[in-house]
PDB file of N, CA and C in Angstrom:
ATOM      1  N   UNK A   1     -10.560 -15.437 -13.057  1.00  0.00           N
ATOM      2  CA  UNK A   1      -9.826 -14.248 -13.471  1.00  0.00           C
ATOM      3  C   UNK A   1      -9.054 -13.691 -12.276  1.00  0.00           C
ATOM      4  N   UNK A   2      -7.818 -13.329 -12.491  1.00  0.00           N
ATOM      5  CA  UNK A   2      -6.948 -12.811 -11.440  1.00  0.00           C
ATOM      6  C   UNK A   2      -7.213 -11.326 -11.204  1.00  0.00           C
ATOM      7  N   UNK A   3      -7.223 -10.925  -9.928  1.00  0.00           N
ATOM      8  CA  UNK A   3      -7.426  -9.522  -9.569  1.00  0.00           C
ATOM      9  C   UNK A   3      -6.181  -8.705  -9.911  1.00  0.00           C
ATOM     10  N   UNK A   4      -6.391  -7.490 -10.386  1.00  0.00           N
ATOM     11  CA  UNK A   4      -5.269  -6.582 -10.592  1.00  0.00           C
ATOM     12  C   UNK A   4      -4.802  -6.080  -9.227  1.00  0.00           C
ATOM     13  N   UNK A   5      -3.597  -5.526  -9.178  1.00  0.00           N
ATOM     14  CA  UNK A   5      -3.076  -4.968  -7.930  1.00  0.00           C
ATOM     15  C   UNK A   5      -3.988  -3.852  -7.422  1.00  0.00           C
ATOM     16  N   UNK A   6      -4.536  -3.053  -8.330  1.00  0.00           N
ATOM     17  CA  UNK A   6      -5.440  -1.958  -7.946  1.00  0.00           C
ATOM     18  C   UNK A   6      -6.702  -2.497  -7.273  1.00  0.00           C
ATOM     19  N   UNK A   7      -7.316  -3.496  -7.871  1.00  0.00           N
ATOM     20  CA  UNK A   7      -8.549  -4.079  -7.320  1.00  0.00           C
ATOM     21  C   UNK A   7      -8.253  -4.768  -5.984  1.00  0.00           C
ATOM     22  N   UNK A   8      -7.174  -5.523  -5.933  1.00  0.00           N
ATOM     23  CA  UNK A   8      -6.816  -6.235  -4.709  1.00  0.00           C
ATOM     24  C   UNK A   8      -6.475  -5.249  -3.591  1.00  0.00           C
ATOM     25  N   UNK A   9      -5.752  -4.181  -3.901  1.00  0.00           N
ATOM     26  CA  UNK A   9      -5.422  -3.178  -2.897  1.00  0.00           C
ATOM     27  C   UNK A   9      -6.658  -2.515  -2.323  1.00  0.00           C
ATOM     28  N   UNK A  10      -7.608  -2.194  -3.177  1.00  0.00           N
ATOM     29  CA  UNK A  10      -8.873  -1.610  -2.706  1.00  0.00           C
ATOM     30  C   UNK A  10      -9.628  -2.607  -1.824  1.00  0.00           C
ATOM     31  N   UNK A  11      -9.593  -3.876  -2.206  1.00  0.00           N
ATOM     32  CA  UNK A  11     -10.274  -4.905  -1.405  1.00  0.00           C
ATOM     33  C   UNK A  11      -9.602  -5.027  -0.037  1.00  0.00           C
ATOM     34  N   UNK A  12      -8.277  -5.044   0.004  1.00  0.00           N
ATOM     35  CA  UNK A  12      -7.575  -5.117   1.287  1.00  0.00           C
ATOM     36  C   UNK A  12      -7.986  -3.960   2.195  1.00  0.00           C
ATOM     37  N   UNK A  13      -8.085  -2.779   1.624  1.00  0.00           N
ATOM     38  CA  UNK A  13      -8.454  -1.609   2.415  1.00  0.00           C
ATOM     39  C   UNK A  13      -9.888  -1.723   2.927  1.00  0.00           C
ATOM     40  N   UNK A  14     -10.830  -2.083   2.076  1.00  0.00           N
ATOM     41  CA  UNK A  14     -12.232  -2.166   2.502  1.00  0.00           C
ATOM     42  C   UNK A  14     -12.470  -3.328   3.468  1.00  0.00           C
ATOM     43  N   UNK A  15     -11.618  -4.347   3.413  1.00  0.00           N
ATOM     44  CA  UNK A  15     -11.742  -5.470   4.344  1.00  0.00           C
ATOM     45  C   UNK A  15     -11.008  -5.213   5.665  1.00  0.00           C
ATOM     46  N   UNK A  16     -10.425  -4.029   5.816  1.00  0.00           N
ATOM     47  CA  UNK A  16      -9.748  -3.674   7.061  1.00  0.00           C
ATOM     48  C   UNK A  16      -8.426  -4.385   7.273  1.00  0.00           C
ATOM     49  N   UNK A  17      -7.716  -4.695   6.198  1.00  0.00           N
ATOM     50  CA  UNK A  17      -6.467  -5.446   6.292  1.00  0.00           C
ATOM     51  C   UNK A  17      -5.228  -4.558   6.453  1.00  0.00           C
ATOM     52  N   UNK A  18      -5.391  -3.258   6.466  1.00  0.00           N
ATOM     53  CA  UNK A  18      -4.261  -2.338   6.580  1.00  0.00           C
ATOM     54  C   UNK A  18      -4.259  -1.701   7.963  1.00  0.00           C
ATOM     55  N   UNK A  19      -3.111  -1.718   8.612  1.00  0.00           N
ATOM     56  CA  UNK A  19      -2.947  -1.068   9.912  1.00  0.00           C
ATOM     57  C   UNK A  19      -1.778  -0.106   9.825  1.00  0.00           C
ATOM     58  N   UNK A  20      -2.059   1.181   9.983  1.00  0.00           N
ATOM     59  CA  UNK A  20      -0.990   2.187   9.987  1.00  0.00           C
ATOM     60  C   UNK A  20      -0.201   2.062  11.283  1.00  0.00           C
ATOM     61  N   UNK A  21       1.119   2.091  11.168  1.00  0.00           N
ATOM     62  CA  UNK A  21       2.005   1.993  12.331  1.00  0.00           C
ATOM     63  C   UNK A  21       2.707   3.312  12.615  1.00  0.00           C
ATOM     64  N   UNK A  22       2.922   4.103  11.576  1.00  0.00           N
ATOM     65  CA  UNK A  22       3.622   5.376  11.746  1.00  0.00           C
ATOM     66  C   UNK A  22       3.197   6.325  10.633  1.00  0.00           C
ATOM     67  N   UNK A  23       2.877   7.561  11.006  1.00  0.00           N
ATOM     68  CA  UNK A  23       2.613   8.624  10.040  1.00  0.00           C
ATOM     69  C   UNK A  23       3.321   9.868  10.549  1.00  0.00           C
ATOM     70  N   UNK A  24       4.205  10.410   9.745  1.00  0.00           N
ATOM     71  CA  UNK A  24       4.941  11.586  10.160  1.00  0.00           C
ATOM     72  C   UNK A  24       5.587  12.269   8.971  1.00  0.00           C
ATOM     73  N   UNK A  25       6.256  13.367   9.229  1.00  0.00           N
ATOM     74  CA  UNK A  25       6.908  14.105   8.155  1.00  0.00           C
ATOM     75  C   UNK A  25       8.037  13.297   7.529  1.00  0.00           C
ATOM     76  N   UNK A  26       8.559  12.321   8.258  1.00  0.00           N
ATOM     77  CA  UNK A  26       9.656  11.498   7.752  1.00  0.00           C
ATOM     78  C   UNK A  26       9.182  10.293   6.943  1.00  0.00           C
ATOM     79  N   UNK A  27       7.889  10.015   6.936  1.00  0.00           N
ATOM     80  CA  UNK A  27       7.381   8.892   6.152  1.00  0.00           C
ATOM     81  C   UNK A  27       6.153   8.266   6.775  1.00  0.00           C
ATOM     82  N   UNK A  28       5.787   7.114   6.231  1.00  0.00           N
ATOM     83  CA  UNK A  28       4.623   6.374   6.694  1.00  0.00           C
ATOM     84  C   UNK A  28       4.972   4.891   6.686  1.00  0.00           C
ATOM     85  N   UNK A  29       4.432   4.153   7.659  1.00  0.00           N
ATOM     86  CA  UNK A  29       4.668   2.715   7.730  1.00  0.00           C
ATOM     87  C   UNK A  29       3.371   2.021   8.110  1.00  0.00           C
ATOM     88  N   UNK A  30       3.175   0.836   7.556  1.00  0.00           N
ATOM     89  CA  UNK A  30       1.964   0.073   7.825  1.00  0.00           C
ATOM     90  C   UNK A  30       2.264  -1.412   7.713  1.00  0.00           C
ATOM     91  N   UNK A  31       1.344  -2.209   8.223  1.00  0.00           N
ATOM     92  CA  UNK A  31       1.342  -3.641   7.949  1.00  0.00           C
ATOM     93  C   UNK A  31       0.049  -3.936   7.213  1.00  0.00           C
ATOM     94  N   UNK A  32       0.142  -4.830   6.248  1.00  0.00           N
ATOM     95  CA  UNK A  32      -1.014  -5.182   5.426  1.00  0.00           C
ATOM     96  C   UNK A  32      -1.121  -6.697   5.396  1.00  0.00           C
ATOM     97  N   UNK A  33      -2.305  -7.196   5.722  1.00  0.00           N
ATOM     98  CA  UNK A  33      -2.534  -8.644   5.663  1.00  0.00           C
ATOM     99  C   UNK A  33      -2.936  -9.006   4.248  1.00  0.00           C
ATOM    100  N   UNK A  34      -2.056  -9.669   3.555  1.00  0.00           N
ATOM    101  CA  UNK A  34      -2.344 -10.119   2.195  1.00  0.00           C
ATOM    102  C   UNK A  34      -3.174 -11.383   2.226  1.00  0.00           C
ATOM    103  N   UNK A  35      -3.180 -12.107   1.139  1.00  0.00           N
ATOM    104  CA  UNK A  35      -3.954 -13.340   1.082  1.00  0.00           C
ATOM    105  C   UNK A  35      -3.257 -14.493   1.789  1.00  0.00           C
ATOM    106  N   UNK A  36      -1.955 -14.353   2.074  1.00  0.00           N
ATOM    107  CA  UNK A  36      -1.257 -15.449   2.719  1.00  0.00           C
ATOM    108  C   UNK A  36      -0.357 -15.047   3.861  1.00  0.00           C
ATOM    109  N   UNK A  37      -0.055 -13.768   3.990  1.00  0.00           N
ATOM    110  CA  UNK A  37       0.890 -13.333   5.023  1.00  0.00           C
ATOM    111  C   UNK A  37       0.734 -11.838   5.283  1.00  0.00           C
ATOM    112  N   UNK A  38       1.380 -11.396   6.365  1.00  0.00           N
ATOM    113  CA  UNK A  38       1.455  -9.973   6.684  1.00  0.00           C
ATOM    114  C   UNK A  38       2.688  -9.401   6.016  1.00  0.00           C
ATOM    115  N   UNK A  39       2.571  -8.174   5.484  1.00  0.00           N
ATOM    116  CA  UNK A  39       3.706  -7.519   4.843  1.00  0.00           C
ATOM    117  C   UNK A  39       3.859  -6.112   5.401  1.00  0.00           C
ATOM    118  N   UNK A  40       5.105  -5.688   5.559  1.00  0.00           N
ATOM    119  CA  UNK A  40       5.400  -4.320   5.974  1.00  0.00           C
ATOM    120  C   UNK A  40       5.516  -3.474   4.713  1.00  0.00           C
ATOM    121  N   UNK A  41       4.831  -2.351   4.717  1.00  0.00           N
ATOM    122  CA  UNK A  41       4.844  -1.451   3.563  1.00  0.00           C
ATOM    123  C   UNK A  41       4.973  -0.025   4.066  1.00  0.00           C
ATOM    124  N   UNK A  42       5.520   0.842   3.225  1.00  0.00           N
ATOM    125  CA  UNK A  42       5.641   2.220   3.650  1.00  0.00           C
ATOM    126  C   UNK A  42       6.351   3.103   2.645  1.00  0.00           C
ATOM    127  N   UNK A  43       6.617   4.319   3.110  1.00  0.00           N
ATOM    128  CA  UNK A  43       7.333   5.314   2.332  1.00  0.00           C
ATOM    129  C   UNK A  43       8.354   5.951   3.261  1.00  0.00           C
ATOM    130  N   UNK A  44       9.622   5.835   2.912  1.00  0.00           N
ATOM    131  CA  UNK A  44      10.686   6.356   3.751  1.00  0.00           C
ATOM    132  C   UNK A  44      11.844   6.746   2.839  1.00  0.00           C
ATOM    133  N   UNK A  45      12.480   7.857   3.113  1.00  0.00           N
ATOM    134  CA  UNK A  45      13.648   8.265   2.352  1.00  0.00           C
ATOM    135  C   UNK A  45      13.381   8.494   0.877  1.00  0.00           C
ATOM    136  N   UNK A  46      12.148   8.899   0.549  1.00  0.00           N
ATOM    137  CA  UNK A  46      11.811   9.185  -0.842  1.00  0.00           C
ATOM    138  C   UNK A  46      11.445   7.969  -1.675  1.00  0.00           C
ATOM    139  N   UNK A  47      11.264   6.805  -1.023  1.00  0.00           N
ATOM    140  CA  UNK A  47      10.961   5.587  -1.769  1.00  0.00           C
ATOM    141  C   UNK A  47       9.856   4.775  -1.096  1.00  0.00           C
ATOM    142  N   UNK A  48       8.998   4.177  -1.912  1.00  0.00           N
ATOM    143  CA  UNK A  48       7.985   3.237  -1.429  1.00  0.00           C
ATOM    144  C   UNK A  48       8.644   1.877  -1.273  1.00  0.00           C
ATOM    145  N   UNK A  49       8.238   1.120  -0.253  1.00  0.00           N
ATOM    146  CA  UNK A  49       8.783  -0.226  -0.067  1.00  0.00           C
ATOM    147  C   UNK A  49       7.703  -1.184   0.414  1.00  0.00           C
ATOM    148  N   UNK A  50       7.892  -2.452   0.144  1.00  0.00           N
ATOM    149  CA  UNK A  50       7.015  -3.496   0.639  1.00  0.00           C
ATOM    150  C   UNK A  50       7.826  -4.775   0.754  1.00  0.00           C
ATOM    151  N   UNK A  51       7.542  -5.571   1.768  1.00  0.00           N
ATOM    152  CA  UNK A  51       8.287  -6.807   1.993  1.00  0.00           C
ATOM    153  C   UNK A  51       7.704  -7.994   1.237  1.00  0.00           C
ATOM    154  N   UNK A  52       6.688  -7.779   0.425  1.00  0.00           N
ATOM    155  CA  UNK A  52       6.083  -8.890  -0.314  1.00  0.00           C
ATOM    156  C   UNK A  52       6.999  -9.350  -1.445  1.00  0.00           C
ATOM    157  N   UNK A  53       6.780 -10.556  -1.949  1.00  0.00           N
ATOM    158  CA  UNK A  53       7.648 -11.073  -3.007  1.00  0.00           C
ATOM    159  C   UNK A  53       7.460 -10.401  -4.367  1.00  0.00           C
ATOM    160  N   UNK A  54       6.455  -9.549  -4.523  1.00  0.00           N
ATOM    161  CA  UNK A  54       6.235  -8.888  -5.816  1.00  0.00           C
ATOM    162  C   UNK A  54       7.383  -7.945  -6.171  1.00  0.00           C
ATOM    163  N   UNK A  55       8.050  -7.386  -5.161  1.00  0.00           N
ATOM    164  CA  UNK A  55       9.179  -6.473  -5.374  1.00  0.00           C
ATOM    165  C   UNK A  55       8.839  -5.366  -6.365  1.00  0.00           C
ATOM    166  N   UNK A  56       7.667  -4.795  -6.207  1.00  0.00           N
ATOM    167  CA  UNK A  56       7.194  -3.752  -7.107  1.00  0.00           C
ATOM    168  C   UNK A  56       6.652  -2.584  -6.310  1.00  0.00           C
ATOM    169  N   UNK A  57       6.847  -1.385  -6.810  1.00  0.00           N
ATOM    170  CA  UNK A  57       6.281  -0.197  -6.165  1.00  0.00           C
ATOM    171  C   UNK A  57       4.787  -0.090  -6.433  1.00  0.00           C
ATOM    172  N   UNK A  58       4.242  -1.027  -7.188  1.00  0.00           N
ATOM    173  CA  UNK A  58       2.812  -1.016  -7.498  1.00  0.00           C
ATOM    174  C   UNK A  58       2.110  -2.281  -7.028  1.00  0.00           C
ATOM    175  N   UNK A  59       2.618  -2.909  -5.962  1.00  0.00           N
ATOM    176  CA  UNK A  59       1.952  -4.106  -5.447  1.00  0.00           C
ATOM    177  C   UNK A  59       0.642  -3.719  -4.757  1.00  0.00           C
ATOM    178  N   UNK A  60      -0.198  -4.686  -4.512  1.00  0.00           N
ATOM    179  CA  UNK A  60      -1.518  -4.435  -3.916  1.00  0.00           C
ATOM    180  C   UNK A  60      -1.411  -3.847  -2.509  1.00  0.00           C
ATOM    181  N   UNK A  61      -0.373  -4.193  -1.782  1.00  0.00           N
ATOM    182  CA  UNK A  61      -0.197  -3.669  -0.421  1.00  0.00           C
ATOM    183  C   UNK A  61       0.083  -2.173  -0.453  1.00  0.00           C
ATOM    184  N   UNK A  62       0.910  -1.747  -1.419  1.00  0.00           N
ATOM    185  CA  UNK A  62       1.188  -0.316  -1.555  1.00  0.00           C
ATOM    186  C   UNK A  62       0.006   0.428  -2.141  1.00  0.00           C
ATOM    187  N   UNK A  63      -0.782  -0.219  -2.993  1.00  0.00           N
ATOM    188  CA  UNK A  63      -2.011   0.402  -3.496  1.00  0.00           C
ATOM    189  C   UNK A  63      -2.911   0.743  -2.311  1.00  0.00           C
ATOM    190  N   UNK A  64      -3.105  -0.205  -1.404  1.00  0.00           N
ATOM    191  CA  UNK A  64      -3.956   0.036  -0.231  1.00  0.00           C
ATOM    192  C   UNK A  64      -3.410   1.178   0.617  1.00  0.00           C
ATOM    193  N   UNK A  65      -2.108   1.187   0.850  1.00  0.00           N
ATOM    194  CA  UNK A  65      -1.503   2.237   1.670  1.00  0.00           C
ATOM    195  C   UNK A  65      -1.625   3.601   1.008  1.00  0.00           C
ATOM    196  N   UNK A  66      -1.385   3.676  -0.276  1.00  0.00           N
ATOM    197  CA  UNK A  66      -1.494   4.967  -0.972  1.00  0.00           C
ATOM    198  C   UNK A  66      -2.922   5.515  -0.947  1.00  0.00           C
ATOM    199  N   UNK A  67      -3.906   4.636  -0.927  1.00  0.00           N
ATOM    200  CA  UNK A  67      -5.298   5.100  -0.905  1.00  0.00           C
ATOM    201  C   UNK A  67      -5.620   5.894   0.355  1.00  0.00           C
ATOM    202  N   UNK A  68      -4.889   5.663   1.424  1.00  0.00           N
ATOM    203  CA  UNK A  68      -5.161   6.398   2.671  1.00  0.00           C
ATOM    204  C   UNK A  68      -4.099   7.440   2.993  1.00  0.00           C
ATOM    205  N   UNK A  69      -3.039   7.531   2.176  1.00  0.00           N
ATOM    206  CA  UNK A  69      -1.972   8.479   2.520  1.00  0.00           C
ATOM    207  C   UNK A  69      -1.631   9.473   1.433  1.00  0.00           C
ATOM    208  N   UNK A  70      -2.049   9.248   0.208  1.00  0.00           N
ATOM    209  CA  UNK A  70      -1.658  10.115  -0.913  1.00  0.00           C
ATOM    210  C   UNK A  70      -2.905  10.673  -1.573  1.00  0.00           C
ATOM    211  N   UNK A  71      -2.935  11.994  -1.739  1.00  0.00           N
ATOM    212  CA  UNK A  71      -4.068  12.624  -2.422  1.00  0.00           C
ATOM    213  C   UNK A  71      -3.995  12.272  -3.917  1.00  0.00           C
ATOM    214  N   UNK A  72      -5.104  11.832  -4.498  1.00  0.00           N
ATOM    215  CA  UNK A  72      -5.085  11.520  -5.936  1.00  0.00           C
ATOM    216  C   UNK A  72      -4.859  12.791  -6.756  1.00  0.00           C
ATOM    217  N   UNK A  73      -4.194  12.641  -7.874  1.00  0.00           N
ATOM    218  CA  UNK A  73      -3.952  13.772  -8.760  1.00  0.00           C
ATOM    219  C   UNK A  73      -4.786  13.629 -10.009  1.00  0.00           C
ATOM    220  N   UNK A  74      -5.124  14.762 -10.614  1.00  0.00           N
ATOM    221  CA  UNK A  74      -5.870  14.754 -11.856  1.00  0.00           C
ATOM    222  C   UNK A  74      -4.879  14.664 -13.008  1.00  0.00           C
ATOM    223  N   UNK A  75      -5.260  13.938 -14.039  1.00  0.00           N
ATOM    224  CA  UNK A  75      -4.402  13.812 -15.206  1.00  0.00           C
ATOM    225  C   UNK A  75      -4.176  15.198 -15.816  1.00  0.00           C
ATOM    226  N   UNK A  76      -2.941  15.490 -16.142  1.00  0.00           N
ATOM    227  CA  UNK A  76      -2.624  16.766 -16.759  1.00  0.00           C
ATOM    228  C   UNK A  76      -2.474  17.913 -15.782  1.00  0.00           C
ATOM    229  N   UNK A  77      -2.653  17.639 -14.476  1.00  0.00           N
ATOM    230  CA  UNK A  77      -2.536  18.732 -13.498  1.00  0.00           C
ATOM    231  C   UNK A  77      -1.130  18.902 -13.017  1.00  0.00           C
TER     232      UNK A  77
END
């Protein structure tokens, strides 16, 4: 069974695969070691980005980064 991006992102974080490179009012940047390569991920200029081939704002690398940089919100709040 294939891992979801959420499960894989949590695994990357607990395995210590995320390294923050920059945290500031202008954004956040990190490198994340995926299953086959390192990817640059972050938030800059109002947009999330990742260099992985998934080309999605919900890839596992961004899931890991959001877990340490974004406060979770409650549904309906």
